[in-house]
Amino acid sequence: MTIATLAGHEFHVNEEGFMTVPAEWDEELGAALAAQIGLEMTDAHWEVIRFLRADFAETGETATLRRVGARSGVPVKQLFALFPQKPAKKMAYVAGLPKPHGCV
């Protein structure tokens, strides 16, 4: 495991850059992670990120795109608009969670 520093936060990441200790995350770090991949966070983005964090706390796994669309009330098409190209990976990255199972 590697320790990364961003916006004054130190946190553990794996070889792909995903955080490995979700408790090290806060919204300030989430905003910095989003900026790093070219996203400017809006209320709609935060709604999804907060859902992901709550779902992870409940299940112990990062929700898949399908689960987020079904459970959060945010349609999958909107998830692609909010987090273009690889939404599941980008959502997990910004939320400070492991990459969802099945993502390549």
N, C-alpha and C. Protein backbone atom coordinates (compact mmCIF):
# COMPACT_ATOMS: atom_id res chain seq x y z
N MET A 1 0.83 -1.19 0.00
CA MET A 1 0.00 0.00 0.00
C MET A 1 0.88 1.25 0.00
N THR A 2 0.41 2.24 -0.68
CA THR A 2 1.13 3.49 -0.81
C THR A 2 0.37 4.58 -0.07
N ILE A 3 1.09 5.55 0.43
CA ILE A 3 0.44 6.71 1.05
C ILE A 3 0.53 7.85 0.06
N ALA A 4 -0.64 8.45 -0.23
CA ALA A 4 -0.71 9.60 -1.14
C ALA A 4 -1.06 10.84 -0.32
N THR A 5 -0.75 11.99 -0.87
CA THR A 5 -1.10 13.26 -0.24
C THR A 5 -1.79 14.13 -1.27
N LEU A 6 -2.94 14.69 -0.87
CA LEU A 6 -3.70 15.58 -1.75
C LEU A 6 -4.48 16.54 -0.87
N ALA A 7 -4.43 17.80 -1.17
CA ALA A 7 -5.17 18.83 -0.44
C ALA A 7 -4.91 18.75 1.06
N GLY A 8 -3.67 18.46 1.43
CA GLY A 8 -3.30 18.40 2.83
C GLY A 8 -3.72 17.14 3.56
N HIS A 9 -4.28 16.16 2.84
CA HIS A 9 -4.69 14.89 3.43
C HIS A 9 -3.71 13.79 3.02
N GLU A 10 -3.33 12.97 3.97
CA GLU A 10 -2.57 11.76 3.67
C GLU A 10 -3.55 10.59 3.74
N PHE A 11 -3.46 9.68 2.75
CA PHE A 11 -4.37 8.55 2.71
C PHE A 11 -3.72 7.38 1.99
N HIS A 12 -4.19 6.18 2.30
CA HIS A 12 -3.64 4.96 1.70
C HIS A 12 -4.36 4.65 0.39
N VAL A 13 -3.59 4.27 -0.63
CA VAL A 13 -4.15 3.92 -1.93
C VAL A 13 -3.54 2.61 -2.42
N ASN A 14 -4.28 1.94 -3.31
CA ASN A 14 -3.74 0.73 -3.93
C ASN A 14 -3.00 1.12 -5.22
N GLU A 15 -2.57 0.11 -5.98
CA GLU A 15 -1.79 0.37 -7.20
C GLU A 15 -2.58 1.12 -8.27
N GLU A 16 -3.92 1.10 -8.19
CA GLU A 16 -4.74 1.83 -9.16
C GLU A 16 -5.13 3.23 -8.67
N GLY A 17 -4.74 3.58 -7.44
CA GLY A 17 -5.03 4.89 -6.90
C GLY A 17 -6.32 4.98 -6.09
N PHE A 18 -7.01 3.85 -5.90
CA PHE A 18 -8.23 3.84 -5.10
C PHE A 18 -7.87 3.80 -3.62
N MET A 19 -8.59 4.56 -2.81
CA MET A 19 -8.34 4.57 -1.38
C MET A 19 -8.61 3.19 -0.80
N THR A 20 -7.81 2.79 0.17
CA THR A 20 -7.97 1.48 0.79
C THR A 20 -8.49 1.57 2.23
N VAL A 21 -8.55 2.77 2.77
CA VAL A 21 -9.07 2.98 4.13
C VAL A 21 -10.17 4.05 4.02
N PRO A 22 -11.42 3.62 3.80
CA PRO A 22 -12.50 4.59 3.60
C PRO A 22 -12.66 5.61 4.72
N ALA A 23 -12.25 5.28 5.94
CA ALA A 23 -12.38 6.20 7.07
C ALA A 23 -11.45 7.41 6.93
N GLU A 24 -10.46 7.35 6.05
CA GLU A 24 -9.55 8.49 5.84
C GLU A 24 -10.18 9.57 4.96
N TRP A 25 -11.33 9.30 4.38
CA TRP A 25 -11.99 10.19 3.44
C TRP A 25 -12.85 11.23 4.16
N ASP A 26 -12.93 12.42 3.59
CA ASP A 26 -13.94 13.40 3.97
C ASP A 26 -14.33 14.16 2.69
N GLU A 27 -15.35 15.00 2.79
CA GLU A 27 -15.84 15.66 1.57
C GLU A 27 -14.82 16.61 0.95
N GLU A 28 -13.98 17.21 1.76
CA GLU A 28 -12.93 18.07 1.21
C GLU A 28 -11.98 17.25 0.33
N LEU A 29 -11.60 16.07 0.82
CA LEU A 29 -10.75 15.19 0.03
C LEU A 29 -11.50 14.70 -1.20
N GLY A 30 -12.79 14.39 -1.05
CA GLY A 30 -13.60 13.96 -2.19
C GLY A 30 -13.62 15.00 -3.30
N ALA A 31 -13.76 16.26 -2.92
CA ALA A 31 -13.75 17.35 -3.91
C ALA A 31 -12.40 17.44 -4.60
N ALA A 32 -11.31 17.24 -3.84
CA ALA A 32 -9.97 17.28 -4.43
C ALA A 32 -9.75 16.09 -5.37
N LEU A 33 -10.24 14.91 -4.97
CA LEU A 33 -10.14 13.73 -5.84
C LEU A 33 -10.93 13.96 -7.13
N ALA A 34 -12.11 14.55 -7.01
CA ALA A 34 -12.94 14.83 -8.19
C ALA A 34 -12.21 15.80 -9.13
N ALA A 35 -11.65 16.85 -8.57
CA ALA A 35 -10.92 17.83 -9.39
C ALA A 35 -9.76 17.18 -10.11
N GLN A 36 -9.14 16.21 -9.45
CA GLN A 36 -7.99 15.51 -10.04
C GLN A 36 -8.38 14.76 -11.32
N ILE A 37 -9.65 14.32 -11.40
CA ILE A 37 -10.09 13.60 -12.60
C ILE A 37 -11.01 14.47 -13.48
N GLY A 38 -10.98 15.78 -13.22
CA GLY A 38 -11.69 16.72 -14.08
C GLY A 38 -13.15 16.92 -13.78
N LEU A 39 -13.59 16.58 -12.57
CA LEU A 39 -15.00 16.77 -12.20
C LEU A 39 -15.14 17.94 -11.24
N GLU A 40 -16.14 18.76 -11.48
CA GLU A 40 -16.49 19.82 -10.54
C GLU A 40 -17.76 19.37 -9.84
N MET A 41 -17.69 19.21 -8.54
CA MET A 41 -18.79 18.64 -7.78
C MET A 41 -19.97 19.60 -7.65
N THR A 42 -21.16 19.06 -7.90
CA THR A 42 -22.42 19.79 -7.72
C THR A 42 -23.24 19.05 -6.67
N ASP A 43 -24.38 19.60 -6.33
CA ASP A 43 -25.27 18.92 -5.38
C ASP A 43 -25.66 17.54 -5.89
N ALA A 44 -25.87 17.41 -7.20
CA ALA A 44 -26.23 16.11 -7.79
C ALA A 44 -25.10 15.10 -7.62
N HIS A 45 -23.87 15.54 -7.80
CA HIS A 45 -22.72 14.65 -7.58
C HIS A 45 -22.67 14.19 -6.13
N TRP A 46 -22.82 15.15 -5.20
CA TRP A 46 -22.73 14.82 -3.78
C TRP A 46 -23.84 13.87 -3.35
N GLU A 47 -25.02 14.00 -3.94
CA GLU A 47 -26.11 13.08 -3.62
C GLU A 47 -25.68 11.64 -3.92
N VAL A 48 -25.06 11.44 -5.06
CA VAL A 48 -24.60 10.10 -5.45
C VAL A 48 -23.47 9.63 -4.54
N ILE A 49 -22.51 10.50 -4.27
CA ILE A 49 -21.37 10.13 -3.43
C ILE A 49 -21.84 9.78 -2.02
N ARG A 50 -22.75 10.55 -1.48
CA ARG A 50 -23.27 10.26 -0.13
C ARG A 50 -24.04 8.94 -0.11
N PHE A 51 -24.79 8.67 -1.19
CA PHE A 51 -25.47 7.37 -1.27
C PHE A 51 -24.44 6.24 -1.26
N LEU A 52 -23.40 6.37 -2.08
CA LEU A 52 -22.37 5.33 -2.15
C LEU A 52 -21.72 5.08 -0.79
N ARG A 53 -21.39 6.15 -0.09
CA ARG A 53 -20.75 6.02 1.22
C ARG A 53 -21.69 5.31 2.21
N ALA A 54 -22.96 5.70 2.21
CA ALA A 54 -23.94 5.08 3.13
C ALA A 54 -24.16 3.62 2.77
N ASP A 55 -24.25 3.33 1.49
CA ASP A 55 -24.45 1.95 1.04
C ASP A 55 -23.24 1.09 1.40
N PHE A 56 -22.05 1.64 1.24
CA PHE A 56 -20.84 0.90 1.61
C PHE A 56 -20.82 0.62 3.11
N ALA A 57 -21.21 1.60 3.91
CA ALA A 57 -21.23 1.41 5.37
C ALA A 57 -22.21 0.29 5.75
N GLU A 58 -23.27 0.16 4.98
CA GLU A 58 -24.29 -0.86 5.25
C GLU A 58 -23.89 -2.24 4.75
N THR A 59 -23.30 -2.31 3.56
CA THR A 59 -23.04 -3.60 2.91
C THR A 59 -21.59 -4.05 2.97
N GLY A 60 -20.66 -3.11 3.14
CA GLY A 60 -19.25 -3.47 3.14
C GLY A 60 -18.66 -3.63 1.74
N GLU A 61 -19.45 -3.31 0.72
CA GLU A 61 -18.98 -3.39 -0.67
C GLU A 61 -19.37 -2.11 -1.40
N THR A 62 -18.58 -1.75 -2.40
CA THR A 62 -18.91 -0.60 -3.22
C THR A 62 -20.02 -0.99 -4.19
N ALA A 63 -21.07 -0.20 -4.22
CA ALA A 63 -22.22 -0.49 -5.08
C ALA A 63 -21.83 -0.42 -6.55
N THR A 64 -22.41 -1.32 -7.34
CA THR A 64 -22.23 -1.30 -8.78
C THR A 64 -23.08 -0.18 -9.37
N LEU A 65 -22.84 0.13 -10.62
CA LEU A 65 -23.62 1.16 -11.31
C LEU A 65 -25.10 0.81 -11.29
N ARG A 66 -25.41 -0.44 -11.54
CA ARG A 66 -26.80 -0.88 -11.55
C ARG A 66 -27.45 -0.66 -10.18
N ARG A 67 -26.75 -1.01 -9.12
CA ARG A 67 -27.30 -0.84 -7.77
C ARG A 67 -27.51 0.64 -7.45
N VAL A 68 -26.55 1.47 -7.81
CA VAL A 68 -26.69 2.91 -7.56
C VAL A 68 -27.92 3.44 -8.29
N GLY A 69 -28.07 3.06 -9.55
CA GLY A 69 -29.23 3.52 -10.32
C GLY A 69 -30.55 3.04 -9.73
N ALA A 70 -30.57 1.81 -9.26
CA ALA A 70 -31.81 1.24 -8.72
C ALA A 70 -32.13 1.76 -7.33
N ARG A 71 -31.12 1.93 -6.50
CA ARG A 71 -31.36 2.27 -5.09
C ARG A 71 -31.32 3.76 -4.77
N SER A 72 -30.57 4.53 -5.54
CA SER A 72 -30.39 5.95 -5.18
C SER A 72 -31.48 6.84 -5.76
N GLY A 73 -32.19 6.34 -6.76
CA GLY A 73 -33.18 7.17 -7.43
C GLY A 73 -32.60 8.03 -8.54
N VAL A 74 -31.28 7.90 -8.78
CA VAL A 74 -30.63 8.64 -9.87
C VAL A 74 -30.53 7.68 -11.05
N PRO A 75 -31.20 8.00 -12.16
CA PRO A 75 -31.16 7.10 -13.32
C PRO A 75 -29.73 6.88 -13.84
N VAL A 76 -29.48 5.70 -14.36
CA VAL A 76 -28.15 5.37 -14.89
C VAL A 76 -27.72 6.37 -15.95
N LYS A 77 -28.63 6.80 -16.78
CA LYS A 77 -28.29 7.78 -17.81
C LYS A 77 -27.74 9.06 -17.18
N GLN A 78 -28.31 9.48 -16.06
CA GLN A 78 -27.82 10.68 -15.38
C GLN A 78 -26.47 10.41 -14.72
N LEU A 79 -26.24 9.19 -14.24
CA LEU A 79 -24.95 8.84 -13.67
C LEU A 79 -23.85 8.98 -14.72
N PHE A 80 -24.15 8.57 -15.96
CA PHE A 80 -23.18 8.72 -17.05
C PHE A 80 -22.93 10.19 -17.35
N ALA A 81 -23.96 11.03 -17.20
CA ALA A 81 -23.78 12.47 -17.44
C ALA A 81 -22.94 13.11 -16.33
N LEU A 82 -23.17 12.68 -15.09
CA LEU A 82 -22.45 13.24 -13.95
C LEU A 82 -20.99 12.77 -13.88
N PHE A 83 -20.79 11.49 -14.21
CA PHE A 83 -19.46 10.86 -14.13
C PHE A 83 -19.16 10.22 -15.49
N PRO A 84 -18.82 11.02 -16.50
CA PRO A 84 -18.68 10.53 -17.87
C PRO A 84 -17.66 9.39 -18.03
N GLN A 85 -17.93 8.56 -19.00
CA GLN A 85 -17.11 7.45 -19.47
C GLN A 85 -17.15 6.25 -18.52
N LYS A 86 -16.52 6.26 -17.42
CA LYS A 86 -16.51 5.10 -16.52
C LYS A 86 -17.13 5.52 -15.18
N PRO A 87 -18.45 5.67 -15.13
CA PRO A 87 -19.07 6.25 -13.94
C PRO A 87 -18.85 5.45 -12.66
N ALA A 88 -18.93 4.15 -12.70
CA ALA A 88 -18.78 3.36 -11.47
C ALA A 88 -17.39 3.57 -10.86
N LYS A 89 -16.37 3.54 -11.68
CA LYS A 89 -15.01 3.73 -11.19
C LYS A 89 -14.82 5.16 -10.68
N LYS A 90 -15.34 6.13 -11.41
CA LYS A 90 -15.17 7.52 -10.99
C LYS A 90 -15.93 7.81 -9.70
N MET A 91 -17.13 7.27 -9.58
CA MET A 91 -17.90 7.48 -8.35
C MET A 91 -17.16 6.89 -7.15
N ALA A 92 -16.66 5.66 -7.29
CA ALA A 92 -15.94 5.00 -6.20
C ALA A 92 -14.68 5.78 -5.86
N TYR A 93 -13.96 6.24 -6.86
CA TYR A 93 -12.72 6.99 -6.64
C TYR A 93 -13.00 8.25 -5.83
N VAL A 94 -13.99 9.03 -6.25
CA VAL A 94 -14.32 10.28 -5.56
C VAL A 94 -14.84 10.01 -4.15
N ALA A 95 -15.58 8.91 -3.98
CA ALA A 95 -16.15 8.56 -2.67
C ALA A 95 -15.13 7.94 -1.73
N GLY A 96 -13.92 7.69 -2.22
CA GLY A 96 -12.89 7.10 -1.37
C GLY A 96 -13.14 5.64 -1.05
N LEU A 97 -13.76 4.94 -1.99
CA LEU A 97 -14.12 3.54 -1.79
C LEU A 97 -13.37 2.63 -2.76
N PRO A 98 -13.31 1.32 -2.47
CA PRO A 98 -12.67 0.41 -3.41
C PRO A 98 -13.43 0.37 -4.75
N LYS A 99 -12.72 0.04 -5.78
CA LYS A 99 -13.34 -0.13 -7.10
C LYS A 99 -14.40 -1.22 -7.00
N PRO A 100 -15.60 -0.98 -7.58
CA PRO A 100 -16.66 -2.00 -7.51
C PRO A 100 -16.24 -3.30 -8.19
N HIS A 101 -16.75 -4.41 -7.68
CA HIS A 101 -16.50 -5.72 -8.31
C HIS A 101 -17.05 -5.69 -9.72
N GLY A 102 -16.32 -6.27 -10.65
CA GLY A 102 -16.75 -6.33 -12.03
C GLY A 102 -16.24 -5.18 -12.88
N CYS A 103 -15.67 -4.15 -12.26
CA CYS A 103 -15.10 -3.05 -13.04
C CYS A 103 -13.71 -3.45 -13.53
N VAL A 104 -13.43 -3.08 -14.76
CA VAL A 104 -12.11 -3.36 -15.30
C VAL A 104 -11.27 -2.11 -15.33
